[in-house]
Amino acid sequence: MRICVKVKPNAKQQRVEKIDQDHYAVWIREKPVEGRANDAAIRAIADHFHIPPSQVMLIKGQTSREKVFEVL
């Protein structure tokens, strides 16, 4: 399944909020430097869906806050 995610880096706490069927907002603690925010977003989404991080892939939005992930 593909989901659209708005990533909010440098937050005080990490959380995932479902907006509608396939749109989510993800708050992460990491700053958007050298891909650390993308890795943290993948881990947060994996925790939310109770799956390993290897089953979450970033499809679109490598340098944007609006991202598309594939959840296997």
Protein backbone atom coordinates (compact mmCIF):
# COMPACT_ATOMS: atom_id res chain seq x y z
CA MET A 1 0.00 0.00 0.00
CA ARG A 2 1.22 3.51 -0.75
CA ILE A 3 0.78 6.28 1.79
CA CYS A 4 1.40 10.01 1.57
CA VAL A 5 3.24 11.39 4.58
CA LYS A 6 3.97 14.92 5.75
CA VAL A 7 7.16 14.70 7.79
CA LYS A 8 7.75 17.25 10.54
CA PRO A 9 11.42 17.04 11.62
CA ASN A 10 13.05 18.39 14.77
CA ALA A 11 9.96 17.72 16.92
CA LYS A 12 10.02 17.28 20.69
CA GLN A 13 8.57 13.78 20.49
CA GLN A 14 8.09 11.14 17.83
CA ARG A 15 4.55 10.24 16.78
CA VAL A 16 2.44 9.20 13.80
CA GLU A 17 -1.04 10.57 13.18
CA LYS A 18 -3.47 9.20 10.61
CA ILE A 19 -5.24 12.00 8.72
CA ASP A 20 -7.36 9.87 6.39
CA GLN A 21 -7.22 6.54 4.54
CA ASP A 22 -3.77 7.05 2.99
CA HIS A 23 -2.47 10.35 4.41
CA TYR A 24 -0.37 10.54 7.58
CA ALA A 25 1.60 13.13 9.54
CA VAL A 26 4.84 12.01 11.18
CA TRP A 27 6.72 13.99 13.82
CA ILE A 28 10.35 12.94 14.30
CA ARG A 29 13.16 14.17 16.54
CA GLU A 30 15.95 14.08 13.95
CA LYS A 31 16.96 17.07 11.88
CA PRO A 32 16.78 16.80 8.08
CA VAL A 33 20.52 16.31 7.62
CA GLU A 34 22.15 13.58 5.49
CA GLY A 35 19.00 11.47 5.27
CA ARG A 36 18.62 11.01 9.03
CA ALA A 37 15.06 12.35 8.97
CA ASN A 38 14.10 9.91 6.20
CA ASP A 39 15.51 6.98 8.18
CA ALA A 40 13.68 8.14 11.31
CA ALA A 41 10.42 8.49 9.34
CA ILE A 42 10.81 4.93 8.03
CA ARG A 43 11.34 3.62 11.57
CA ALA A 44 8.34 5.59 12.89
CA ILE A 45 6.05 4.28 10.13
CA ALA A 46 7.29 0.73 10.69
CA ASP A 47 6.58 1.03 14.42
CA HIS A 48 3.10 2.40 13.70
CA PHE A 49 2.22 -0.55 11.44
CA HIS A 50 4.08 -3.12 13.63
CA ILE A 51 6.34 -4.26 10.78
CA PRO A 52 10.12 -4.31 10.31
CA PRO A 53 11.66 -1.15 8.78
CA SER A 54 12.84 -3.18 5.79
CA GLN A 55 9.20 -3.38 4.64
CA VAL A 56 8.87 0.43 4.34
CA MET A 57 10.38 2.07 1.26
CA LEU A 58 10.64 5.75 0.36
CA ILE A 59 9.22 6.10 -3.16
CA LYS A 60 9.08 9.86 -3.69
CA GLY A 61 10.16 13.02 -1.85
CA GLN A 62 13.75 12.35 -0.80
CA THR A 63 14.38 16.05 -0.01
CA SER A 64 10.80 17.22 0.55
CA ARG A 65 8.57 17.18 3.62
CA GLU A 66 5.81 15.63 1.49
CA LYS A 67 6.80 12.01 0.90
CA VAL A 68 5.30 8.85 -0.56
CA PHE A 69 6.11 5.54 1.13
CA GLU A 70 5.41 1.98 0.04
CA VAL A 71 4.39 -0.23 2.96
CA LEU A 72 4.70 -3.92 2.11
